[in-house]
N, C-alpha and C. Protein backbone atom coordinates (compact mmCIF):
# COMPACT_ATOMS: atom_id res chain seq x y z
N MET A 1 6.13 -0.63 -22.12
CA MET A 1 5.11 0.40 -21.91
C MET A 1 5.79 1.75 -21.68
N LYS A 2 5.07 2.80 -22.02
CA LYS A 2 5.57 4.15 -21.85
C LYS A 2 4.94 4.79 -20.62
N ASN A 3 5.71 5.63 -19.92
CA ASN A 3 5.21 6.35 -18.74
C ASN A 3 4.60 5.43 -17.70
N LYS A 4 5.32 4.39 -17.34
CA LYS A 4 4.81 3.47 -16.32
C LYS A 4 5.04 4.07 -14.93
N TYR A 5 3.98 4.06 -14.15
CA TYR A 5 4.04 4.59 -12.79
C TYR A 5 3.66 3.49 -11.80
N ILE A 6 4.28 3.57 -10.63
CA ILE A 6 3.84 2.73 -9.52
C ILE A 6 3.64 3.65 -8.32
N ILE A 7 2.50 3.49 -7.69
CA ILE A 7 2.15 4.25 -6.49
C ILE A 7 2.00 3.20 -5.39
N ILE A 8 2.86 3.27 -4.38
CA ILE A 8 2.80 2.29 -3.31
C ILE A 8 2.25 2.96 -2.05
N LEU A 9 1.20 2.36 -1.52
CA LEU A 9 0.54 2.87 -0.33
C LEU A 9 0.98 2.06 0.88
N PHE A 10 1.55 2.75 1.87
CA PHE A 10 1.96 2.13 3.12
C PHE A 10 0.97 2.56 4.20
N GLY A 11 0.94 1.83 5.29
CA GLY A 11 0.14 2.26 6.43
C GLY A 11 -0.35 1.11 7.26
N ALA A 12 -0.79 1.44 8.44
CA ALA A 12 -1.32 0.45 9.39
C ALA A 12 -2.62 -0.14 8.85
N PRO A 13 -2.99 -1.32 9.33
CA PRO A 13 -4.29 -1.85 8.96
C PRO A 13 -5.37 -0.87 9.41
N GLY A 14 -6.34 -0.62 8.53
CA GLY A 14 -7.41 0.30 8.85
C GLY A 14 -7.12 1.75 8.51
N SER A 15 -5.94 2.03 7.95
CA SER A 15 -5.58 3.42 7.65
C SER A 15 -6.28 3.96 6.41
N GLY A 16 -6.83 3.08 5.58
CA GLY A 16 -7.55 3.52 4.40
C GLY A 16 -6.82 3.27 3.09
N LYS A 17 -5.79 2.44 3.11
CA LYS A 17 -5.02 2.16 1.89
C LYS A 17 -5.91 1.60 0.78
N THR A 18 -6.76 0.65 1.13
CA THR A 18 -7.62 0.03 0.11
C THR A 18 -8.65 1.04 -0.42
N THR A 19 -9.28 1.78 0.46
CA THR A 19 -10.26 2.78 0.02
C THR A 19 -9.61 3.79 -0.92
N ILE A 20 -8.45 4.29 -0.53
CA ILE A 20 -7.75 5.29 -1.35
C ILE A 20 -7.26 4.65 -2.64
N GLY A 21 -6.70 3.45 -2.56
CA GLY A 21 -6.21 2.78 -3.76
C GLY A 21 -7.31 2.51 -4.78
N GLU A 22 -8.45 2.03 -4.31
CA GLU A 22 -9.57 1.76 -5.22
C GLU A 22 -10.09 3.03 -5.87
N LYS A 23 -10.26 4.09 -5.07
CA LYS A 23 -10.77 5.35 -5.62
C LYS A 23 -9.74 5.99 -6.55
N LEU A 24 -8.48 5.88 -6.23
CA LEU A 24 -7.43 6.43 -7.07
C LEU A 24 -7.40 5.72 -8.43
N SER A 25 -7.62 4.41 -8.41
CA SER A 25 -7.64 3.67 -9.68
C SER A 25 -8.83 4.06 -10.56
N GLU A 26 -9.87 4.62 -9.95
CA GLU A 26 -11.01 5.09 -10.73
C GLU A 26 -10.72 6.42 -11.42
N VAL A 27 -9.84 7.24 -10.84
CA VAL A 27 -9.58 8.56 -11.42
C VAL A 27 -8.32 8.62 -12.28
N LEU A 28 -7.44 7.64 -12.15
CA LEU A 28 -6.24 7.61 -12.99
C LEU A 28 -6.49 6.69 -14.17
N GLN A 29 -6.20 7.18 -15.36
CA GLN A 29 -6.40 6.37 -16.56
C GLN A 29 -5.43 5.20 -16.60
N LYS A 30 -5.89 4.11 -17.17
CA LYS A 30 -5.08 2.90 -17.36
C LYS A 30 -4.32 2.50 -16.11
N SER A 31 -5.06 2.39 -15.00
CA SER A 31 -4.44 2.00 -13.74
C SER A 31 -5.16 0.80 -13.15
N ILE A 32 -4.43 0.10 -12.29
CA ILE A 32 -5.00 -1.04 -11.58
C ILE A 32 -4.56 -0.94 -10.12
N PHE A 33 -5.49 -1.25 -9.21
CA PHE A 33 -5.18 -1.30 -7.78
C PHE A 33 -5.05 -2.76 -7.37
N ILE A 34 -3.97 -3.07 -6.66
CA ILE A 34 -3.77 -4.41 -6.12
C ILE A 34 -3.36 -4.29 -4.66
N SER A 35 -4.04 -5.03 -3.81
CA SER A 35 -3.71 -5.09 -2.39
C SER A 35 -2.96 -6.39 -2.12
N ALA A 36 -1.73 -6.28 -1.60
CA ALA A 36 -0.95 -7.48 -1.29
C ALA A 36 -1.70 -8.37 -0.31
N GLY A 37 -2.34 -7.77 0.70
CA GLY A 37 -3.09 -8.55 1.68
C GLY A 37 -4.25 -9.31 1.04
N SER A 38 -4.99 -8.64 0.15
CA SER A 38 -6.10 -9.30 -0.52
C SER A 38 -5.61 -10.43 -1.42
N VAL A 39 -4.49 -10.20 -2.11
CA VAL A 39 -3.92 -11.25 -2.95
C VAL A 39 -3.59 -12.47 -2.09
N MET A 40 -2.95 -12.23 -0.94
CA MET A 40 -2.57 -13.35 -0.08
C MET A 40 -3.80 -14.07 0.49
N ARG A 41 -4.79 -13.30 0.92
CA ARG A 41 -5.98 -13.90 1.53
C ARG A 41 -6.89 -14.56 0.50
N GLU A 42 -7.24 -13.80 -0.55
CA GLU A 42 -8.29 -14.23 -1.46
C GLU A 42 -7.79 -15.05 -2.64
N GLU A 43 -6.63 -14.70 -3.18
CA GLU A 43 -6.17 -15.39 -4.38
C GLU A 43 -5.19 -16.51 -4.08
N MET A 44 -4.38 -16.34 -3.04
CA MET A 44 -3.40 -17.37 -2.68
C MET A 44 -3.88 -18.23 -1.52
N LYS A 45 -5.04 -17.87 -0.93
CA LYS A 45 -5.68 -18.62 0.15
C LYS A 45 -4.78 -18.81 1.37
N LEU A 46 -4.02 -17.76 1.72
CA LEU A 46 -3.16 -17.79 2.89
C LEU A 46 -3.91 -17.19 4.08
N THR A 47 -3.51 -17.54 5.28
CA THR A 47 -4.18 -17.08 6.50
C THR A 47 -3.23 -16.26 7.36
N PRO A 48 -3.66 -15.06 7.81
CA PRO A 48 -2.83 -14.25 8.70
C PRO A 48 -2.61 -14.97 10.03
N PRO A 49 -1.50 -14.76 10.74
CA PRO A 49 -0.39 -13.93 10.29
C PRO A 49 0.40 -14.63 9.19
N PHE A 50 0.71 -13.89 8.15
CA PHE A 50 1.41 -14.46 7.01
C PHE A 50 2.87 -14.72 7.36
N LEU A 51 3.38 -15.83 6.93
CA LEU A 51 4.79 -16.15 7.13
C LEU A 51 5.62 -15.42 6.09
N ASP A 52 6.84 -15.09 6.44
CA ASP A 52 7.71 -14.37 5.51
C ASP A 52 7.84 -15.10 4.18
N VAL A 53 7.95 -16.41 4.22
CA VAL A 53 8.11 -17.18 2.98
C VAL A 53 6.87 -17.03 2.10
N ASP A 54 5.70 -16.95 2.69
CA ASP A 54 4.47 -16.75 1.93
C ASP A 54 4.45 -15.37 1.26
N ARG A 55 4.89 -14.36 1.99
CA ARG A 55 4.91 -13.00 1.45
C ARG A 55 5.87 -12.87 0.28
N GLY A 56 6.97 -13.59 0.33
CA GLY A 56 7.93 -13.53 -0.77
C GLY A 56 7.33 -13.98 -2.09
N ARG A 57 6.48 -14.98 -2.05
CA ARG A 57 5.84 -15.48 -3.27
C ARG A 57 4.85 -14.49 -3.86
N VAL A 58 4.32 -13.65 -3.03
CA VAL A 58 3.28 -12.73 -3.47
C VAL A 58 3.79 -11.70 -4.48
N VAL A 59 5.06 -11.32 -4.41
CA VAL A 59 5.61 -10.28 -5.28
C VAL A 59 5.45 -10.66 -6.75
N ASP A 60 5.88 -11.85 -7.13
CA ASP A 60 5.75 -12.27 -8.53
C ASP A 60 4.29 -12.33 -8.94
N PHE A 61 3.44 -12.80 -8.05
CA PHE A 61 2.01 -12.89 -8.32
C PHE A 61 1.42 -11.51 -8.63
N ILE A 62 1.78 -10.52 -7.80
CA ILE A 62 1.26 -9.16 -7.96
C ILE A 62 1.72 -8.56 -9.29
N PHE A 63 3.00 -8.66 -9.58
CA PHE A 63 3.51 -8.01 -10.78
C PHE A 63 3.08 -8.73 -12.05
N LYS A 64 2.82 -10.03 -11.98
CA LYS A 64 2.24 -10.73 -13.13
C LYS A 64 0.82 -10.24 -13.37
N LYS A 65 0.07 -10.08 -12.28
CA LYS A 65 -1.31 -9.57 -12.39
C LYS A 65 -1.31 -8.18 -13.02
N TYR A 66 -0.35 -7.34 -12.62
CA TYR A 66 -0.23 -6.00 -13.20
C TYR A 66 0.09 -6.09 -14.70
N ARG A 67 1.10 -6.88 -15.05
CA ARG A 67 1.48 -7.01 -16.47
C ARG A 67 0.31 -7.51 -17.30
N ASP A 68 -0.40 -8.51 -16.79
CA ASP A 68 -1.53 -9.08 -17.53
C ASP A 68 -2.67 -8.09 -17.71
N SER A 69 -2.74 -7.08 -16.85
CA SER A 69 -3.85 -6.10 -16.92
C SER A 69 -3.69 -5.12 -18.07
N GLY A 70 -2.46 -4.91 -18.55
CA GLY A 70 -2.21 -3.93 -19.60
C GLY A 70 -2.25 -2.50 -19.11
N SER A 71 -2.28 -2.29 -17.81
CA SER A 71 -2.33 -0.95 -17.24
C SER A 71 -0.96 -0.28 -17.29
N ASP A 72 -0.97 1.06 -17.32
CA ASP A 72 0.27 1.83 -17.26
C ASP A 72 0.65 2.16 -15.82
N THR A 73 -0.32 2.19 -14.93
CA THR A 73 -0.07 2.58 -13.54
C THR A 73 -0.52 1.47 -12.60
N LEU A 74 0.37 1.10 -11.71
CA LEU A 74 0.05 0.14 -10.66
C LEU A 74 -0.06 0.89 -9.34
N ILE A 75 -1.20 0.77 -8.70
CA ILE A 75 -1.42 1.32 -7.37
C ILE A 75 -1.40 0.11 -6.44
N LEU A 76 -0.41 0.07 -5.56
CA LEU A 76 -0.15 -1.13 -4.77
C LEU A 76 -0.22 -0.84 -3.28
N ASP A 77 -1.05 -1.59 -2.59
CA ASP A 77 -1.11 -1.57 -1.13
C ASP A 77 -0.15 -2.66 -0.66
N CYS A 78 1.05 -2.24 -0.23
CA CYS A 78 2.08 -3.21 0.15
C CYS A 78 3.09 -2.55 1.06
N ASN A 79 3.09 -2.90 2.33
CA ASN A 79 4.05 -2.33 3.28
C ASN A 79 5.44 -2.91 3.04
N PRO A 80 6.50 -2.16 3.38
CA PRO A 80 7.87 -2.61 3.12
C PRO A 80 8.41 -3.58 4.17
N TYR A 81 7.66 -4.66 4.42
CA TYR A 81 8.07 -5.65 5.40
C TYR A 81 7.43 -6.97 5.03
N PRO A 82 8.08 -8.09 5.17
CA PRO A 82 9.43 -8.28 5.68
C PRO A 82 10.49 -7.87 4.67
N PRO A 83 11.73 -7.68 5.13
CA PRO A 83 12.80 -7.20 4.25
C PRO A 83 12.99 -8.05 3.00
N GLU A 84 12.85 -9.37 3.12
CA GLU A 84 13.04 -10.24 1.95
C GLU A 84 12.00 -9.94 0.88
N MET A 85 10.76 -9.75 1.29
CA MET A 85 9.71 -9.44 0.33
C MET A 85 9.94 -8.06 -0.27
N TRP A 86 10.30 -7.10 0.57
CA TRP A 86 10.51 -5.75 0.08
C TRP A 86 11.68 -5.70 -0.89
N GLY A 87 12.72 -6.48 -0.64
CA GLY A 87 13.86 -6.53 -1.56
C GLY A 87 13.44 -6.98 -2.95
N GLU A 88 12.59 -8.00 -3.01
CA GLU A 88 12.09 -8.48 -4.31
C GLU A 88 11.16 -7.44 -4.94
N CYS A 89 10.35 -6.82 -4.13
CA CYS A 89 9.43 -5.79 -4.61
C CYS A 89 10.22 -4.60 -5.18
N LYS A 90 11.27 -4.20 -4.48
CA LYS A 90 12.09 -3.05 -4.91
C LYS A 90 12.71 -3.29 -6.28
N LYS A 91 13.12 -4.53 -6.56
CA LYS A 91 13.67 -4.86 -7.88
C LYS A 91 12.64 -4.57 -8.97
N LYS A 92 11.40 -4.91 -8.71
CA LYS A 92 10.32 -4.68 -9.68
C LYS A 92 9.98 -3.20 -9.78
N ILE A 93 10.01 -2.50 -8.64
CA ILE A 93 9.71 -1.06 -8.63
C ILE A 93 10.69 -0.31 -9.51
N ASN A 94 11.95 -0.73 -9.49
CA ASN A 94 12.97 -0.05 -10.29
C ASN A 94 12.74 -0.16 -11.79
N LEU A 95 11.85 -1.03 -12.23
CA LEU A 95 11.53 -1.16 -13.65
C LEU A 95 10.54 -0.10 -14.12
N PHE A 96 9.93 0.61 -13.19
CA PHE A 96 8.95 1.65 -13.54
C PHE A 96 9.67 2.96 -13.83
N ASP A 97 9.06 3.80 -14.68
CA ASP A 97 9.63 5.11 -14.98
C ASP A 97 9.61 6.01 -13.76
N LYS A 98 8.53 5.99 -13.01
CA LYS A 98 8.37 6.83 -11.82
C LYS A 98 7.75 6.00 -10.71
N SER A 99 8.21 6.25 -9.50
CA SER A 99 7.61 5.58 -8.35
C SER A 99 7.22 6.64 -7.32
N PHE A 100 6.09 6.40 -6.69
CA PHE A 100 5.56 7.29 -5.67
C PHE A 100 5.26 6.46 -4.44
N PHE A 101 5.72 6.92 -3.29
CA PHE A 101 5.48 6.22 -2.02
C PHE A 101 4.63 7.13 -1.15
N ALA A 102 3.52 6.60 -0.65
CA ALA A 102 2.61 7.39 0.18
C ALA A 102 2.26 6.59 1.43
N GLU A 103 2.48 7.21 2.58
CA GLU A 103 2.09 6.59 3.84
C GLU A 103 0.78 7.22 4.30
N ILE A 104 -0.18 6.36 4.61
CA ILE A 104 -1.48 6.80 5.08
C ILE A 104 -1.54 6.55 6.59
N ASN A 105 -1.88 7.59 7.35
CA ASN A 105 -1.90 7.51 8.82
C ASN A 105 -3.27 7.86 9.37
N ALA A 106 -3.53 7.34 10.55
CA ALA A 106 -4.72 7.72 11.33
C ALA A 106 -4.42 7.36 12.77
N PRO A 107 -5.05 8.05 13.72
CA PRO A 107 -4.86 7.71 15.14
C PRO A 107 -5.34 6.28 15.44
N ASP A 108 -4.72 5.66 16.43
CA ASP A 108 -5.05 4.27 16.77
C ASP A 108 -6.53 4.05 17.05
N GLU A 109 -7.18 5.00 17.73
CA GLU A 109 -8.59 4.80 18.04
C GLU A 109 -9.44 4.73 16.77
N ILE A 110 -9.06 5.49 15.75
CA ILE A 110 -9.78 5.43 14.47
C ILE A 110 -9.46 4.13 13.76
N LEU A 111 -8.18 3.73 13.77
CA LEU A 111 -7.79 2.46 13.15
C LEU A 111 -8.57 1.30 13.77
N LEU A 112 -8.62 1.25 15.10
CA LEU A 112 -9.33 0.15 15.77
C LEU A 112 -10.82 0.19 15.49
N ARG A 113 -11.40 1.38 15.44
CA ARG A 113 -12.84 1.49 15.12
C ARG A 113 -13.11 0.95 13.72
N ARG A 114 -12.27 1.32 12.77
CA ARG A 114 -12.43 0.82 11.40
C ARG A 114 -12.24 -0.69 11.34
N LEU A 115 -11.20 -1.18 11.99
CA LEU A 115 -10.92 -2.61 11.96
C LEU A 115 -12.04 -3.42 12.61
N ASN A 116 -12.59 -2.90 13.69
CA ASN A 116 -13.66 -3.63 14.37
C ASN A 116 -14.94 -3.70 13.56
N LYS A 117 -15.09 -2.84 12.55
CA LYS A 117 -16.25 -2.92 11.66
C LYS A 117 -16.11 -4.06 10.65
N ARG A 118 -14.86 -4.50 10.44
CA ARG A 118 -14.61 -5.61 9.52
C ARG A 118 -15.03 -6.91 10.20
N LYS A 119 -15.52 -7.80 9.42
CA LYS A 119 -15.94 -9.10 9.96
C LYS A 119 -15.14 -10.22 9.31
N ARG A 120 -13.82 -10.05 9.27
CA ARG A 120 -12.98 -11.06 8.63
C ARG A 120 -12.76 -12.23 9.57
N ILE A 121 -13.17 -13.40 9.13
CA ILE A 121 -12.96 -14.59 9.95
C ILE A 121 -11.50 -15.05 9.90
N ASP A 122 -10.76 -14.60 8.88
CA ASP A 122 -9.37 -15.03 8.77
C ASP A 122 -8.45 -14.35 9.78
N HIS A 123 -8.97 -13.40 10.54
CA HIS A 123 -8.16 -12.73 11.55
C HIS A 123 -8.49 -13.18 12.98
N LYS A 124 -9.19 -14.27 13.11
CA LYS A 124 -9.62 -14.69 14.44
C LYS A 124 -8.46 -15.02 15.39
N ASP A 125 -7.32 -15.47 14.85
CA ASP A 125 -6.18 -15.82 15.70
C ASP A 125 -5.13 -14.71 15.77
N PHE A 126 -5.42 -13.58 15.17
CA PHE A 126 -4.46 -12.48 15.12
C PHE A 126 -5.27 -11.20 15.30
N SER A 127 -5.48 -10.79 16.56
CA SER A 127 -6.38 -9.69 16.86
C SER A 127 -5.93 -8.38 16.21
N TYR A 128 -6.84 -7.44 16.13
CA TYR A 128 -6.51 -6.14 15.55
C TYR A 128 -5.46 -5.42 16.38
N GLU A 129 -5.54 -5.57 17.69
CA GLU A 129 -4.52 -4.97 18.55
C GLU A 129 -3.15 -5.58 18.26
N GLN A 130 -3.11 -6.91 18.05
CA GLN A 130 -1.86 -7.58 17.71
C GLN A 130 -1.35 -7.10 16.34
N ARG A 131 -2.26 -6.90 15.41
CA ARG A 131 -1.86 -6.42 14.08
C ARG A 131 -1.26 -5.02 14.16
N LEU A 132 -1.85 -4.14 14.98
CA LEU A 132 -1.28 -2.80 15.13
C LEU A 132 0.08 -2.86 15.82
N LYS A 133 0.19 -3.69 16.85
CA LYS A 133 1.48 -3.84 17.53
C LYS A 133 2.53 -4.34 16.54
N TYR A 134 2.19 -5.32 15.74
CA TYR A 134 3.09 -5.86 14.71
C TYR A 134 3.51 -4.75 13.75
N TYR A 135 2.53 -3.95 13.34
CA TYR A 135 2.81 -2.83 12.42
C TYR A 135 3.82 -1.87 13.05
N TYR A 136 3.56 -1.42 14.27
CA TYR A 136 4.44 -0.44 14.91
C TYR A 136 5.83 -1.01 15.23
N ASN A 137 5.90 -2.27 15.58
CA ASN A 137 7.18 -2.88 15.93
C ASN A 137 8.01 -3.32 14.73
N ASN A 138 7.36 -3.71 13.64
CA ASN A 138 8.07 -4.29 12.50
C ASN A 138 8.00 -3.47 11.23
N VAL A 139 6.80 -3.03 10.88
CA VAL A 139 6.61 -2.35 9.59
C VAL A 139 7.01 -0.88 9.67
N ARG A 140 6.53 -0.18 10.67
CA ARG A 140 6.81 1.26 10.79
C ARG A 140 8.30 1.58 10.77
N PRO A 141 9.15 0.83 11.48
CA PRO A 141 10.59 1.10 11.38
C PRO A 141 11.14 0.95 9.96
N ARG A 142 10.58 0.02 9.19
CA ARG A 142 11.03 -0.16 7.80
C ARG A 142 10.61 1.04 6.94
N ILE A 143 9.46 1.61 7.22
CA ILE A 143 9.04 2.82 6.49
C ILE A 143 9.98 3.96 6.83
N ASN A 144 10.37 4.06 8.10
CA ASN A 144 11.33 5.11 8.50
C ASN A 144 12.65 4.95 7.77
N ILE A 145 13.13 3.73 7.63
CA ILE A 145 14.38 3.48 6.89
C ILE A 145 14.21 3.86 5.43
N LEU A 146 13.11 3.44 4.84
CA LEU A 146 12.84 3.76 3.44
C LEU A 146 12.79 5.26 3.22
N ALA A 147 12.19 5.98 4.17
CA ALA A 147 12.05 7.44 4.04
C ALA A 147 13.39 8.16 4.06
N LYS A 148 14.44 7.50 4.53
CA LYS A 148 15.78 8.11 4.49
C LYS A 148 16.37 8.07 3.08
N HIS A 149 15.85 7.18 2.23
CA HIS A 149 16.40 6.98 0.89
C HIS A 149 15.44 7.38 -0.23
N GLU A 150 14.19 7.43 0.06
CA GLU A 150 13.14 7.76 -0.92
C GLU A 150 12.25 8.84 -0.32
N GLU A 151 11.62 9.60 -1.19
CA GLU A 151 10.62 10.55 -0.73
C GLU A 151 9.34 9.79 -0.44
N VAL A 152 8.87 9.88 0.78
CA VAL A 152 7.62 9.23 1.17
C VAL A 152 6.63 10.32 1.55
N MET A 153 5.54 10.39 0.80
CA MET A 153 4.49 11.35 1.11
C MET A 153 3.76 10.84 2.34
N SER A 154 3.36 11.73 3.20
CA SER A 154 2.67 11.35 4.42
C SER A 154 1.31 12.04 4.46
N PHE A 155 0.25 11.24 4.65
CA PHE A 155 -1.10 11.77 4.65
C PHE A 155 -1.87 11.28 5.87
N LYS A 156 -2.65 12.18 6.47
CA LYS A 156 -3.56 11.81 7.55
C LYS A 156 -4.91 11.49 6.93
N ASN A 157 -5.47 10.36 7.32
CA ASN A 157 -6.77 9.95 6.82
C ASN A 157 -7.71 9.75 8.00
N ILE A 158 -8.38 10.82 8.37
CA ILE A 158 -9.29 10.78 9.52
C ILE A 158 -10.73 10.58 9.06
N ASN A 159 -11.09 11.20 7.93
CA ASN A 159 -12.48 11.12 7.47
C ASN A 159 -12.53 11.10 5.94
N LEU A 160 -13.74 11.06 5.39
CA LEU A 160 -13.89 10.95 3.93
C LEU A 160 -13.36 12.18 3.18
N ASP A 161 -13.41 13.36 3.80
CA ASP A 161 -12.82 14.54 3.15
C ASP A 161 -11.33 14.34 2.93
N ASP A 162 -10.67 13.70 3.90
CA ASP A 162 -9.23 13.44 3.76
C ASP A 162 -8.96 12.50 2.59
N VAL A 163 -9.82 11.50 2.40
CA VAL A 163 -9.65 10.57 1.29
C VAL A 163 -9.63 11.34 -0.03
N ASP A 164 -10.58 12.24 -0.22
CA ASP A 164 -10.64 13.02 -1.45
C ASP A 164 -9.41 13.91 -1.62
N LYS A 165 -8.94 14.52 -0.53
CA LYS A 165 -7.75 15.37 -0.60
C LYS A 165 -6.51 14.56 -0.97
N ILE A 166 -6.38 13.38 -0.39
CA ILE A 166 -5.24 12.51 -0.66
C ILE A 166 -5.24 12.10 -2.13
N ILE A 167 -6.39 11.70 -2.61
CA ILE A 167 -6.51 11.29 -4.02
C ILE A 167 -6.13 12.43 -4.95
N MET A 168 -6.60 13.64 -4.66
CA MET A 168 -6.28 14.79 -5.51
C MET A 168 -4.79 15.10 -5.49
N LYS A 169 -4.15 15.04 -4.31
CA LYS A 169 -2.71 15.31 -4.21
C LYS A 169 -1.90 14.28 -5.00
N ILE A 170 -2.25 13.02 -4.85
CA ILE A 170 -1.51 11.98 -5.58
C ILE A 170 -1.76 12.11 -7.07
N LYS A 171 -2.97 12.41 -7.45
CA LYS A 171 -3.29 12.60 -8.87
C LYS A 171 -2.47 13.76 -9.45
N GLU A 172 -2.35 14.85 -8.71
CA GLU A 172 -1.54 16.00 -9.15
C GLU A 172 -0.08 15.60 -9.33
N LEU A 173 0.44 14.86 -8.38
CA LEU A 173 1.84 14.40 -8.46
C LEU A 173 2.08 13.56 -9.70
N VAL A 174 1.18 12.62 -9.95
CA VAL A 174 1.33 11.76 -11.11
C VAL A 174 1.21 12.57 -12.40
N ALA A 175 0.29 13.51 -12.42
CA ALA A 175 0.09 14.33 -13.62
C ALA A 175 1.34 15.12 -13.98
N CYS A 176 2.06 15.61 -12.98
CA CYS A 176 3.26 16.39 -13.28
C CYS A 176 4.51 15.52 -13.26
N GLY A 177 4.35 14.24 -12.92
CA GLY A 177 5.48 13.32 -12.94
C GLY A 177 6.51 13.58 -11.86
N ASN A 178 6.10 14.28 -10.80
CA ASN A 178 7.03 14.67 -9.75
C ASN A 178 7.02 13.65 -8.63
N ASN A 179 8.15 12.97 -8.43
CA ASN A 179 8.24 12.07 -7.29
C ASN A 179 9.36 12.50 -6.35
N LYS A 180 9.75 13.76 -6.40
CA LYS A 180 10.84 14.24 -5.58
C LYS A 180 10.40 15.21 -4.49
N THR A 181 9.11 15.48 -4.41
CA THR A 181 8.62 16.45 -3.43
C THR A 181 7.78 15.75 -2.38
N LEU A 182 8.02 16.07 -1.14
CA LEU A 182 7.27 15.51 -0.04
C LEU A 182 6.05 16.40 0.22
N TYR A 183 4.87 15.82 0.08
CA TYR A 183 3.64 16.54 0.33
C TYR A 183 3.02 16.06 1.62
N LYS A 184 2.49 16.98 2.40
CA LYS A 184 1.75 16.60 3.60
C LYS A 184 0.44 17.37 3.60
N ILE A 185 -0.63 16.68 3.98
CA ILE A 185 -1.90 17.38 4.16
C ILE A 185 -2.41 17.08 5.55
């Protein structure tokens, strides 16, 4: 394929990765949005908290789904943790012409409010507070490490206006093919 792009969305649970990813896939031509969490829960029938070995299997599943779609752009909700999974993911990312990394942030009180609106029965043994603690203790440090080697765009997602601004910024970046500039809104 020509001009293959991958846009990877990082962020805490409830930060808006899925909302942004789905809307972004509507405005970018020949794109597909895939959420690693949804793949694990809905397609692979795994239950949180996911074991590292389970997450490692998800990488091949995701990229096969992308290849089968015929899309030029993959928009992926996938945090860079655990390291074994991210290592496999990074090998696949390197096959794309351009890669874009975007971290979506929101204050904890907004994250918890959003998460509490969800009625997922698969999270009954892993509370939202535990998920945020896991994110800050395990995932966030990996994003910090990644940001030392790659440009990671950072976006605040407090309300629906922010979602539209984030989508427009990422769309502009992809349109000009620039993955070397750090944008903040």
